[in-house]
Every structure is written in C-alpha cells, then in structure tokens.
C-alpha cells in the first residue's frame, strides 16, 4: 500500500507491463485502503 503501488501505476501509465503479485491475506488490506471497494483502487490501475 502507499507509494509502492503509486510508483507501479506511474510505470504502467507509461506503457510498462506491470504484473502485481499479492498474497491472499492482502486482499482485505488492499481493498480496505480504498473504502472496501477493490474497483475504486484507482492507484491499482493498468
């Protein structure tokens, strides 16, 4: 969470093929950072 995903977003916006590896126990954490809605994870785009 935080700056790492934002940096990855910047790279993806510029055309990089970014593959995000996540642990199953991170799903709640990542969604929680976006009000519980994974679809509102604008930083996770691309």
ModelCIF file with pLDDT and N, C-alpha, C, O atoms, coordinates in Angstrom:
data_MODEL
#
_entry.id   MODEL 
#
_entity.id                         1 
_entity.type                       polymer 
_entity.pdbx_number_of_molecules   1 
#
_entity_poly.entity_id                      1 
_entity_poly.type                           'polypeptide(L)' 
_entity_poly.nstd_linkage                   no 
_entity_poly.nstd_monomer                   no 
_entity_poly.pdbx_seq_one_letter_code       
;(UNK)(UNK)(UNK)(UNK)(UNK)(UNK)(UNK)(UNK)(UNK)(UNK)(UNK)(UNK)(UNK)(UNK)(UNK)(UNK)
(UNK)(UNK)(UNK)(UNK)(UNK)(UNK)(UNK)(UNK)(UNK)(UNK)(UNK)(UNK)(UNK)(UNK)(UNK)(UNK)
(UNK)(UNK)(UNK)(UNK)(UNK)(UNK)(UNK)(UNK)(UNK)(UNK)(UNK)(UNK)(UNK)(UNK)
;
_entity_poly.pdbx_seq_one_letter_code_can   XXXXXXXXXXXXXXXXXXXXXXXXXXXXXXXXXXXXXXXXXXXXXX 
_entity_poly.pdbx_strand_id                 A 
#
loop_
_entity_poly_seq.entity_id 
_entity_poly_seq.num 
_entity_poly_seq.mon_id 
_entity_poly_seq.hetero 
1 1  UNK n 
1 2  UNK n 
1 3  UNK n 
1 4  UNK n 
1 5  UNK n 
1 6  UNK n 
1 7  UNK n 
1 8  UNK n 
1 9  UNK n 
1 10 UNK n 
1 11 UNK n 
1 12 UNK n 
1 13 UNK n 
1 14 UNK n 
1 15 UNK n 
1 16 UNK n 
1 17 UNK n 
1 18 UNK n 
1 19 UNK n 
1 20 UNK n 
1 21 UNK n 
1 22 UNK n 
1 23 UNK n 
1 24 UNK n 
1 25 UNK n 
1 26 UNK n 
1 27 UNK n 
1 28 UNK n 
1 29 UNK n 
1 30 UNK n 
1 31 UNK n 
1 32 UNK n 
1 33 UNK n 
1 34 UNK n 
1 35 UNK n 
1 36 UNK n 
1 37 UNK n 
1 38 UNK n 
1 39 UNK n 
1 40 UNK n 
1 41 UNK n 
1 42 UNK n 
1 43 UNK n 
1 44 UNK n 
1 45 UNK n 
1 46 UNK n 
#
_struct_asym.id          A 
_struct_asym.entity_id   1 
#
loop_
_ma_qa_metric.id 
_ma_qa_metric.mode 
_ma_qa_metric.name 
_ma_qa_metric.software_group_id 
_ma_qa_metric.type 
1 global pLDDT . pLDDT 
2 local  pLDDT . pLDDT 
#
_ma_qa_metric_global.metric_id      1 
_ma_qa_metric_global.metric_value   80.74 
_ma_qa_metric_global.model_id       1 
_ma_qa_metric_global.ordinal_id     1 
#
loop_
_ma_qa_metric_local.label_asym_id 
_ma_qa_metric_local.label_comp_id 
_ma_qa_metric_local.label_seq_id 
_ma_qa_metric_local.metric_id 
_ma_qa_metric_local.metric_value 
_ma_qa_metric_local.model_id 
_ma_qa_metric_local.ordinal_id 
A UNK 1  2 91.00 1 1  
A UNK 2  2 92.00 1 2  
A UNK 3  2 97.00 1 3  
A UNK 4  2 97.00 1 4  
A UNK 5  2 97.00 1 5  
A UNK 6  2 98.00 1 6  
A UNK 7  2 98.00 1 7  
A UNK 8  2 98.00 1 8  
A UNK 9  2 98.00 1 9  
A UNK 10 2 98.00 1 10 
A UNK 11 2 98.00 1 11 
A UNK 12 2 98.00 1 12 
A UNK 13 2 98.00 1 13 
A UNK 14 2 98.00 1 14 
A UNK 15 2 97.00 1 15 
A UNK 16 2 97.00 1 16 
A UNK 17 2 96.00 1 17 
A UNK 18 2 97.00 1 18 
A UNK 19 2 97.00 1 19 
A UNK 20 2 96.00 1 20 
A UNK 21 2 96.00 1 21 
A UNK 22 2 92.00 1 22 
A UNK 23 2 84.00 1 23 
A UNK 24 2 71.00 1 24 
A UNK 25 2 67.00 1 25 
A UNK 26 2 63.00 1 26 
A UNK 27 2 56.00 1 27 
A UNK 28 2 51.00 1 28 
A UNK 29 2 52.00 1 29 
A UNK 30 2 52.00 1 30 
A UNK 31 2 48.00 1 31 
A UNK 32 2 45.00 1 32 
A UNK 33 2 48.00 1 33 
A UNK 34 2 46.00 1 34 
A UNK 35 2 45.00 1 35 
A UNK 36 2 44.00 1 36 
A UNK 37 2 53.00 1 37 
A UNK 38 2 58.00 1 38 
A UNK 39 2 64.00 1 39 
A UNK 40 2 81.00 1 40 
A UNK 41 2 89.00 1 41 
A UNK 42 2 94.00 1 42 
A UNK 43 2 95.00 1 43 
A UNK 44 2 94.00 1 44 
A UNK 45 2 95.00 1 45 
A UNK 46 2 95.00 1 46 
#
loop_
_atom_site.group_PDB 
_atom_site.id 
_atom_site.type_symbol 
_atom_site.label_atom_id 
_atom_site.label_alt_id 
_atom_site.label_comp_id 
_atom_site.label_asym_id 
_atom_site.label_entity_id 
_atom_site.label_seq_id 
_atom_site.pdbx_PDB_ins_code 
_atom_site.Cartn_x 
_atom_site.Cartn_y 
_atom_site.Cartn_z 
_atom_site.occupancy 
_atom_site.B_iso_or_equiv 
_atom_site.pdbx_formal_charge 
_atom_site.auth_seq_id 
_atom_site.auth_comp_id 
_atom_site.auth_asym_id 
_atom_site.auth_atom_id 
_atom_site.pdbx_PDB_model_num 
ATOM 1   N N  . UNK A 1 1  ? 0.845   -1.182  0.000   1.00 91.00 ? 1  UNK A N  1 
ATOM 2   C CA . UNK A 1 1  ? 0.000   0.000   0.000   1.00 91.00 ? 1  UNK A CA 1 
ATOM 3   C C  . UNK A 1 1  ? 0.877   1.228   0.000   1.00 91.00 ? 1  UNK A C  1 
ATOM 4   O O  . UNK A 1 1  ? 2.058   1.158   0.341   1.00 91.00 ? 1  UNK A O  1 
ATOM 5   N N  . UNK A 1 2  ? 0.292   2.379   -0.390  1.00 92.00 ? 2  UNK A N  1 
ATOM 6   C CA . UNK A 1 2  ? 1.026   3.635   -0.336  1.00 92.00 ? 2  UNK A CA 1 
ATOM 7   C C  . UNK A 1 2  ? 1.854   3.910   -1.575  1.00 92.00 ? 2  UNK A C  1 
ATOM 8   O O  . UNK A 1 2  ? 1.366   3.758   -2.695  1.00 92.00 ? 2  UNK A O  1 
ATOM 9   N N  . UNK A 1 3  ? 3.102   4.315   -1.387  1.00 97.00 ? 3  UNK A N  1 
ATOM 10  C CA . UNK A 1 3  ? 3.907   4.813   -2.505  1.00 97.00 ? 3  UNK A CA 1 
ATOM 11  C C  . UNK A 1 3  ? 4.345   3.746   -3.498  1.00 97.00 ? 3  UNK A C  1 
ATOM 12  O O  . UNK A 1 3  ? 4.499   4.045   -4.682  1.00 97.00 ? 3  UNK A O  1 
ATOM 13  N N  . UNK A 1 4  ? 4.554   2.493   -3.042  1.00 97.00 ? 4  UNK A N  1 
ATOM 14  C CA . UNK A 1 4  ? 4.959   1.443   -3.977  1.00 97.00 ? 4  UNK A CA 1 
ATOM 15  C C  . UNK A 1 4  ? 3.955   1.248   -5.094  1.00 97.00 ? 4  UNK A C  1 
ATOM 16  O O  . UNK A 1 4  ? 4.334   1.272   -6.264  1.00 97.00 ? 4  UNK A O  1 
ATOM 17  N N  . UNK A 1 5  ? 2.668   1.053   -4.765  1.00 97.00 ? 5  UNK A N  1 
ATOM 18  C CA . UNK A 1 5  ? 1.661   0.921   -5.819  1.00 97.00 ? 5  UNK A CA 1 
ATOM 19  C C  . UNK A 1 5  ? 1.543   2.158   -6.703  1.00 97.00 ? 5  UNK A C  1 
ATOM 20  O O  . UNK A 1 5  ? 1.281   2.043   -7.900  1.00 97.00 ? 5  UNK A O  1 
ATOM 21  N N  . UNK A 1 6  ? 1.734   3.344   -6.116  1.00 98.00 ? 6  UNK A N  1 
ATOM 22  C CA . UNK A 1 6  ? 1.644   4.555   -6.935  1.00 98.00 ? 6  UNK A CA 1 
ATOM 23  C C  . UNK A 1 6  ? 2.785   4.602   -7.941  1.00 98.00 ? 6  UNK A C  1 
ATOM 24  O O  . UNK A 1 6  ? 2.583   4.997   -9.089  1.00 98.00 ? 6  UNK A O  1 
ATOM 25  N N  . UNK A 1 7  ? 3.974   4.205   -7.524  1.00 98.00 ? 7  UNK A N  1 
ATOM 26  C CA . UNK A 1 7  ? 5.107   4.154   -8.453  1.00 98.00 ? 7  UNK A CA 1 
ATOM 27  C C  . UNK A 1 7  ? 4.839   3.146   -9.562  1.00 98.00 ? 7  UNK A C  1 
ATOM 28  O O  . UNK A 1 7  ? 5.133   3.408   -10.728 1.00 98.00 ? 7  UNK A O  1 
ATOM 29  N N  . UNK A 1 8  ? 4.277   1.986   -9.200  1.00 98.00 ? 8  UNK A N  1 
ATOM 30  C CA . UNK A 1 8  ? 3.950   0.982   -10.212 1.00 98.00 ? 8  UNK A CA 1 
ATOM 31  C C  . UNK A 1 8  ? 2.890   1.503   -11.172 1.00 98.00 ? 8  UNK A C  1 
ATOM 32  O O  . UNK A 1 8  ? 2.928   1.199   -12.364 1.00 98.00 ? 8  UNK A O  1 
ATOM 33  N N  . UNK A 1 9  ? 1.943   2.288   -10.659 1.00 98.00 ? 9  UNK A N  1 
ATOM 34  C CA . UNK A 1 9  ? 0.927   2.893   -11.508 1.00 98.00 ? 9  UNK A CA 1 
ATOM 35  C C  . UNK A 1 9  ? 1.562   3.844   -12.520 1.00 98.00 ? 9  UNK A C  1 
ATOM 36  O O  . UNK A 1 9  ? 1.185   3.857   -13.692 1.00 98.00 ? 9  UNK A O  1 
ATOM 37  N N  . UNK A 1 10 ? 2.530   4.643   -12.056 1.00 98.00 ? 10 UNK A N  1 
ATOM 38  C CA . UNK A 1 10 ? 3.209   5.565   -12.962 1.00 98.00 ? 10 UNK A CA 1 
ATOM 39  C C  . UNK A 1 10 ? 3.890   4.804   -14.095 1.00 98.00 ? 10 UNK A C  1 
ATOM 40  O O  . UNK A 1 10 ? 3.829   5.217   -15.253 1.00 98.00 ? 10 UNK A O  1 
ATOM 41  N N  . UNK A 1 11 ? 4.533   3.703   -13.760 1.00 98.00 ? 11 UNK A N  1 
ATOM 42  C CA . UNK A 1 11 ? 5.209   2.900   -14.780 1.00 98.00 ? 11 UNK A CA 1 
ATOM 43  C C  . UNK A 1 11 ? 4.197   2.283   -15.736 1.00 98.00 ? 11 UNK A C  1 
ATOM 44  O O  . UNK A 1 11 ? 4.427   2.238   -16.945 1.00 98.00 ? 11 UNK A O  1 
ATOM 45  N N  . UNK A 1 12 ? 3.067   1.803   -15.191 1.00 98.00 ? 12 UNK A N  1 
ATOM 46  C CA . UNK A 1 12 ? 2.028   1.216   -16.044 1.00 98.00 ? 12 UNK A CA 1 
ATOM 47  C C  . UNK A 1 12 ? 1.426   2.267   -16.962 1.00 98.00 ? 12 UNK A C  1 
ATOM 48  O O  . UNK A 1 12 ? 1.183   1.995   -18.137 1.00 98.00 ? 12 UNK A O  1 
ATOM 49  N N  . UNK A 1 13 ? 1.180   3.472   -16.438 1.00 98.00 ? 13 UNK A N  1 
ATOM 50  C CA . UNK A 1 13 ? 0.644   4.551   -17.267 1.00 98.00 ? 13 UNK A CA 1 
ATOM 51  C C  . UNK A 1 13 ? 1.555   4.862   -18.445 1.00 98.00 ? 13 UNK A C  1 
ATOM 52  O O  . UNK A 1 13 ? 1.090   5.278   -19.505 1.00 98.00 ? 13 UNK A O  1 
ATOM 53  N N  . UNK A 1 14 ? 2.847   4.661   -18.257 1.00 98.00 ? 14 UNK A N  1 
ATOM 54  C CA . UNK A 1 14 ? 3.808   4.957   -19.316 1.00 98.00 ? 14 UNK A CA 1 
ATOM 55  C C  . UNK A 1 14 ? 4.072   3.757   -20.222 1.00 98.00 ? 14 UNK A C  1 
ATOM 56  O O  . UNK A 1 14 ? 5.002   3.775   -21.028 1.00 98.00 ? 14 UNK A O  1 
ATOM 57  N N  . UNK A 1 15 ? 3.248   2.712   -20.088 1.00 97.00 ? 15 UNK A N  1 
ATOM 58  C CA . UNK A 1 15 ? 3.303   1.607   -21.038 1.00 97.00 ? 15 UNK A CA 1 
ATOM 59  C C  . UNK A 1 15 ? 3.943   0.334   -20.546 1.00 97.00 ? 15 UNK A C  1 
ATOM 60  O O  . UNK A 1 15 ? 3.940   -0.664  -21.267 1.00 97.00 ? 15 UNK A O  1 
ATOM 61  N N  . UNK A 1 16 ? 4.502   0.325   -19.326 1.00 97.00 ? 16 UNK A N  1 
ATOM 62  C CA . UNK A 1 16 ? 5.139   -0.887  -18.825 1.00 97.00 ? 16 UNK A CA 1 
ATOM 63  C C  . UNK A 1 16 ? 4.098   -1.976  -18.592 1.00 97.00 ? 16 UNK A C  1 
ATOM 64  O O  . UNK A 1 16 ? 2.961   -1.686  -18.221 1.00 97.00 ? 16 UNK A O  1 
ATOM 65  N N  . UNK A 1 17 ? 4.486   -3.222  -18.810 1.00 96.00 ? 17 UNK A N  1 
ATOM 66  C CA . UNK A 1 17 ? 3.637   -4.367  -18.498 1.00 96.00 ? 17 UNK A CA 1 
ATOM 67  C C  . UNK A 1 17 ? 3.883   -4.735  -17.041 1.00 96.00 ? 17 UNK A C  1 
ATOM 68  O O  . UNK A 1 17 ? 4.861   -5.410  -16.720 1.00 96.00 ? 17 UNK A O  1 
ATOM 69  N N  . UNK A 1 18 ? 2.992   -4.287  -16.163 1.00 97.00 ? 18 UNK A N  1 
ATOM 70  C CA . UNK A 1 18 ? 3.163   -4.485  -14.727 1.00 97.00 ? 18 UNK A CA 1 
ATOM 71  C C  . UNK A 1 18 ? 2.313   -5.657  -14.272 1.00 97.00 ? 18 UNK A C  1 
ATOM 72  O O  . UNK A 1 18 ? 1.103   -5.685  -14.499 1.00 97.00 ? 18 UNK A O  1 
ATOM 73  N N  . UNK A 1 19 ? 2.941   -6.608  -13.639 1.00 97.00 ? 19 UNK A N  1 
ATOM 74  C CA . UNK A 1 19 ? 2.253   -7.749  -13.042 1.00 97.00 ? 19 UNK A CA 1 
ATOM 75  C C  . UNK A 1 19 ? 2.363   -7.623  -11.527 1.00 97.00 ? 19 UNK A C  1 
ATOM 76  O O  . UNK A 1 19 ? 3.461   -7.627  -10.971 1.00 97.00 ? 19 UNK A O  1 
ATOM 77  N N  . UNK A 1 20 ? 1.214   -7.511  -10.870 1.00 96.00 ? 20 UNK A N  1 
ATOM 78  C CA . UNK A 1 20 ? 1.186   -7.347  -9.417  1.00 96.00 ? 20 UNK A CA 1 
ATOM 79  C C  . UNK A 1 20 ? 1.007   -8.711  -8.753  1.00 96.00 ? 20 UNK A C  1 
ATOM 80  O O  . UNK A 1 20 ? 0.029   -9.415  -9.001  1.00 96.00 ? 20 UNK A O  1 
ATOM 81  N N  . UNK A 1 21 ? 1.961   -9.066  -7.913  1.00 96.00 ? 21 UNK A N  1 
ATOM 82  C CA . UNK A 1 21 ? 1.885   -10.292 -7.137  1.00 96.00 ? 21 UNK A CA 1 
ATOM 83  C C  . UNK A 1 21 ? 1.368   -9.938  -5.749  1.00 96.00 ? 21 UNK A C  1 
ATOM 84  O O  . UNK A 1 21 ? 1.919   -9.060  -5.086  1.00 96.00 ? 21 UNK A O  1 
ATOM 85  N N  . UNK A 1 22 ? 0.318   -10.613 -5.310  1.00 92.00 ? 22 UNK A N  1 
ATOM 86  C CA . UNK A 1 22 ? -0.230  -10.320 -3.987  1.00 92.00 ? 22 UNK A CA 1 
ATOM 87  C C  . UNK A 1 22 ? -0.538  -11.601 -3.239  1.00 92.00 ? 22 UNK A C  1 
ATOM 88  O O  . UNK A 1 22 ? -0.832  -12.638 -3.834  1.00 92.00 ? 22 UNK A O  1 
ATOM 89  N N  . UNK A 1 23 ? -0.465  -11.506 -1.926  1.00 84.00 ? 23 UNK A N  1 
ATOM 90  C CA . UNK A 1 23 ? -0.815  -12.632 -1.068  1.00 84.00 ? 23 UNK A CA 1 
ATOM 91  C C  . UNK A 1 23 ? -2.316  -12.648 -0.829  1.00 84.00 ? 23 UNK A C  1 
ATOM 92  O O  . UNK A 1 23 ? -2.961  -11.600 -0.846  1.00 84.00 ? 23 UNK A O  1 
ATOM 93  N N  . UNK A 1 24 ? -2.865  -13.811 -0.611  1.00 71.00 ? 24 UNK A N  1 
ATOM 94  C CA . UNK A 1 24 ? -4.307  -13.926 -0.389  1.00 71.00 ? 24 UNK A CA 1 
ATOM 95  C C  . UNK A 1 24 ? -4.746  -13.119 0.820   1.00 71.00 ? 24 UNK A C  1 
ATOM 96  O O  . UNK A 1 24 ? -5.854  -12.582 0.844   1.00 71.00 ? 24 UNK A O  1 
ATOM 97  N N  . UNK A 1 25 ? -3.863  -13.030 1.844   1.00 67.00 ? 25 UNK A N  1 
ATOM 98  C CA . UNK A 1 25 ? -4.246  -12.285 3.046   1.00 67.00 ? 25 UNK A CA 1 
ATOM 99  C C  . UNK A 1 25 ? -4.129  -10.779 2.866   1.00 67.00 ? 25 UNK A C  1 
ATOM 100 O O  . UNK A 1 25 ? -4.431  -10.019 3.786   1.00 67.00 ? 25 UNK A O  1 
ATOM 101 N N  . UNK A 1 26 ? -3.690  -10.336 1.677   1.00 63.00 ? 26 UNK A N  1 
ATOM 102 C CA . UNK A 1 26 ? -3.606  -8.904  1.400   1.00 63.00 ? 26 UNK A CA 1 
ATOM 103 C C  . UNK A 1 26 ? -4.884  -8.356  0.787   1.00 63.00 ? 26 UNK A C  1 
ATOM 104 O O  . UNK A 1 26 ? -5.033  -7.138  0.681   1.00 63.00 ? 26 UNK A O  1 
ATOM 105 N N  . UNK A 1 27 ? -5.801  -9.208  0.384   1.00 56.00 ? 27 UNK A N  1 
ATOM 106 C CA . UNK A 1 27 ? -6.985  -8.735  -0.323  1.00 56.00 ? 27 UNK A CA 1 
ATOM 107 C C  . UNK A 1 27 ? -7.741  -7.727  0.521   1.00 56.00 ? 27 UNK A C  1 
ATOM 108 O O  . UNK A 1 27 ? -8.097  -6.652  0.037   1.00 56.00 ? 27 UNK A O  1 
ATOM 109 N N  . UNK A 1 28 ? -7.990  -8.064  1.779   1.00 51.00 ? 28 UNK A N  1 
ATOM 110 C CA . UNK A 1 28 ? -8.709  -7.145  2.666   1.00 51.00 ? 28 UNK A CA 1 
ATOM 111 C C  . UNK A 1 28 ? -7.951  -5.862  2.884   1.00 51.00 ? 28 UNK A C  1 
ATOM 112 O O  . UNK A 1 28 ? -8.546  -4.786  2.930   1.00 51.00 ? 28 UNK A O  1 
ATOM 113 N N  . UNK A 1 29 ? -6.625  -5.963  3.021   1.00 52.00 ? 29 UNK A N  1 
ATOM 114 C CA . UNK A 1 29 ? -5.798  -4.777  3.243   1.00 52.00 ? 29 UNK A CA 1 
ATOM 115 C C  . UNK A 1 29 ? -5.856  -3.837  2.049   1.00 52.00 ? 29 UNK A C  1 
ATOM 116 O O  . UNK A 1 29 ? -6.030  -2.629  2.208   1.00 52.00 ? 29 UNK A O  1 
ATOM 117 N N  . UNK A 1 30 ? -5.709  -4.394  0.855   1.00 52.00 ? 30 UNK A N  1 
ATOM 118 C CA . UNK A 1 30 ? -5.711  -3.565  -0.352  1.00 52.00 ? 30 UNK A CA 1 
ATOM 119 C C  . UNK A 1 30 ? -7.081  -2.945  -0.583  1.00 52.00 ? 30 UNK A C  1 
ATOM 120 O O  . UNK A 1 30 ? -7.184  -1.775  -0.953  1.00 52.00 ? 30 UNK A O  1 
ATOM 121 N N  . UNK A 1 31 ? -8.137  -3.730  -0.363  1.00 48.00 ? 31 UNK A N  1 
ATOM 122 C CA . UNK A 1 31 ? -9.480  -3.194  -0.543  1.00 48.00 ? 31 UNK A CA 1 
ATOM 123 C C  . UNK A 1 31 ? -9.800  -2.179  0.541   1.00 48.00 ? 31 UNK A C  1 
ATOM 124 O O  . UNK A 1 31 ? -10.454 -1.170  0.280   1.00 48.00 ? 31 UNK A O  1 
ATOM 125 N N  . UNK A 1 32 ? -9.335  -2.446  1.766   1.00 45.00 ? 32 UNK A N  1 
ATOM 126 C CA . UNK A 1 32 ? -9.589  -1.527  2.873   1.00 45.00 ? 32 UNK A CA 1 
ATOM 127 C C  . UNK A 1 32 ? -8.990  -0.166  2.639   1.00 45.00 ? 32 UNK A C  1 
ATOM 128 O O  . UNK A 1 32 ? -9.531  0.839   3.101   1.00 45.00 ? 32 UNK A O  1 
ATOM 129 N N  . UNK A 1 33 ? -7.876  -0.115  1.927   1.00 48.00 ? 33 UNK A N  1 
ATOM 130 C CA . UNK A 1 33 ? -7.244  1.170   1.622   1.00 48.00 ? 33 UNK A CA 1 
ATOM 131 C C  . UNK A 1 33 ? -8.075  1.980   0.638   1.00 48.00 ? 33 UNK A C  1 
ATOM 132 O O  . UNK A 1 33 ? -7.798  3.157   0.410   1.00 48.00 ? 33 UNK A O  1 
ATOM 133 N N  . UNK A 1 34 ? -9.093  1.351   0.053   1.00 46.00 ? 34 UNK A N  1 
ATOM 134 C CA . UNK A 1 34 ? -9.944  2.035   -0.913  1.00 46.00 ? 34 UNK A CA 1 
ATOM 135 C C  . UNK A 1 34 ? -11.410 1.956   -0.499  1.00 46.00 ? 34 UNK A C  1 
ATOM 136 O O  . UNK A 1 34 ? -12.301 1.783   -1.330  1.00 46.00 ? 34 UNK A O  1 
ATOM 137 N N  . UNK A 1 35 ? -11.636 2.087   0.805   1.00 45.00 ? 35 UNK A N  1 
ATOM 138 C CA . UNK A 1 35 ? -13.003 2.086   1.306   1.00 45.00 ? 35 UNK A CA 1 
ATOM 139 C C  . UNK A 1 35 ? -13.702 0.754   1.163   1.00 45.00 ? 35 UNK A C  1 
ATOM 140 O O  . UNK A 1 35 ? -14.931 0.693   1.145   1.00 45.00 ? 35 UNK A O  1 
ATOM 141 N N  . UNK A 1 36 ? -12.926 -0.321  1.061   1.00 44.00 ? 36 UNK A N  1 
ATOM 142 C CA . UNK A 1 36 ? -13.522 -1.645  0.948   1.00 44.00 ? 36 UNK A CA 1 
ATOM 143 C C  . UNK A 1 36 ? -13.935 -2.018  -0.451  1.00 44.00 ? 36 UNK A C  1 
ATOM 144 O O  . UNK A 1 36 ? -14.471 -3.106  -0.660  1.00 44.00 ? 36 UNK A O  1 
ATOM 145 N N  . UNK A 1 37 ? -13.704 -1.150  -1.419  1.00 53.00 ? 37 UNK A N  1 
ATOM 146 C CA . UNK A 1 37 ? -14.116 -1.417  -2.802  1.00 53.00 ? 37 UNK A CA 1 
ATOM 147 C C  . UNK A 1 37 ? -12.884 -1.591  -3.679  1.00 53.00 ? 37 UNK A C  1 
ATOM 148 O O  . UNK A 1 37 ? -12.192 -0.619  -3.980  1.00 53.00 ? 37 UNK A O  1 
ATOM 149 N N  . UNK A 1 38 ? -12.609 -2.829  -4.090  1.00 58.00 ? 38 UNK A N  1 
ATOM 150 C CA . UNK A 1 38 ? -11.457 -3.077  -4.945  1.00 58.00 ? 38 UNK A CA 1 
ATOM 151 C C  . UNK A 1 38 ? -11.570 -2.310  -6.254  1.00 58.00 ? 38 UNK A C  1 
ATOM 152 O O  . UNK A 1 38 ? -10.560 -1.887  -6.816  1.00 58.00 ? 38 UNK A O  1 
ATOM 153 N N  . UNK A 1 39 ? -12.807 -2.127  -6.747  1.00 64.00 ? 39 UNK A N  1 
ATOM 154 C CA . UNK A 1 39 ? -12.968 -1.442  -8.038  1.00 64.00 ? 39 UNK A CA 1 
ATOM 155 C C  . UNK A 1 39 ? -12.632 0.036   -7.960  1.00 64.00 ? 39 UNK A C  1 
ATOM 156 O O  . UNK A 1 39 ? -12.439 0.678   -8.993  1.00 64.00 ? 39 UNK A O  1 
ATOM 157 N N  . UNK A 1 40 ? -12.557 0.593   -6.748  1.00 81.00 ? 40 UNK A N  1 
ATOM 158 C CA . UNK A 1 40 ? -12.195 2.010   -6.624  1.00 81.00 ? 40 UNK A CA 1 
ATOM 159 C C  . UNK A 1 40 ? -10.702 2.206   -6.398  1.00 81.00 ? 40 UNK A C  1 
ATOM 160 O O  . UNK A 1 40 ? -10.256 3.297   -6.043  1.00 81.00 ? 40 UNK A O  1 
ATOM 161 N N  . UNK A 1 41 ? -9.942  1.150   -6.606  1.00 89.00 ? 41 UNK A N  1 
ATOM 162 C CA . UNK A 1 41 ? -8.490  1.220   -6.456  1.00 89.00 ? 41 UNK A CA 1 
ATOM 163 C C  . UNK A 1 41 ? -7.892  1.895   -7.678  1.00 89.00 ? 41 UNK A C  1 
ATOM 164 O O  . UNK A 1 41 ? -7.318  1.233   -8.542  1.00 89.00 ? 41 UNK A O  1 
ATOM 165 N N  . UNK A 1 42 ? -8.026  3.211   -7.749  1.00 94.00 ? 42 UNK A N  1 
ATOM 166 C CA . UNK A 1 42 ? -7.515  3.947   -8.905  1.00 94.00 ? 42 UNK A CA 1 
ATOM 167 C C  . UNK A 1 42 ? -6.003  3.848   -9.002  1.00 94.00 ? 42 UNK A C  1 
ATOM 168 O O  . UNK A 1 42 ? -5.449  3.886   -10.101 1.00 94.00 ? 42 UNK A O  1 
ATOM 169 N N  . UNK A 1 43 ? -5.328  3.720   -7.866  1.00 95.00 ? 43 UNK A N  1 
ATOM 170 C CA . UNK A 1 43 ? -3.867  3.589   -7.882  1.00 95.00 ? 43 UNK A CA 1 
ATOM 171 C C  . UNK A 1 43 ? -3.447  2.228   -8.447  1.00 95.00 ? 43 UNK A C  1 
ATOM 172 O O  . UNK A 1 43 ? -2.322  2.069   -8.919  1.00 95.00 ? 43 UNK A O  1 
ATOM 173 N N  . UNK A 1 44 ? -4.351  1.257   -8.395  1.00 94.00 ? 44 UNK A N  1 
ATOM 174 C CA . UNK A 1 44 ? -4.027  -0.071  -8.903  1.00 94.00 ? 44 UNK A CA 1 
ATOM 175 C C  . UNK A 1 44 ? -4.338  -0.268  -10.369 1.00 94.00 ? 44 UNK A C  1 
ATOM 176 O O  . UNK A 1 44 ? -4.354  -1.397  -10.860 1.00 94.00 ? 44 UNK A O  1 
ATOM 177 N N  . UNK A 1 45 ? -4.585  0.818   -11.069 1.00 95.00 ? 45 UNK A N  1 
ATOM 178 C CA . UNK A 1 45 ? -4.987  0.700   -12.471 1.00 95.00 ? 45 UNK A CA 1 
ATOM 179 C C  . UNK A 1 45 ? -3.829  0.213   -13.353 1.00 95.00 ? 45 UNK A C  1 
ATOM 180 O O  . UNK A 1 45 ? -2.652  0.342   -13.016 1.00 95.00 ? 45 UNK A O  1 
ATOM 181 N N  . UNK A 1 46 ? -4.224  -0.348  -14.491 1.00 95.00 ? 46 UNK A N  1 
ATOM 182 C CA . UNK A 1 46 ? -3.245  -0.624  -15.534 1.00 95.00 ? 46 UNK A CA 1 
ATOM 183 C C  . UNK A 1 46 ? -2.440  -1.883  -15.392 1.00 95.00 ? 46 UNK A C  1 
ATOM 184 O O  . UNK A 1 46 ? -1.596  -2.175  -16.239 1.00 95.00 ? 46 UNK A O  1 
#
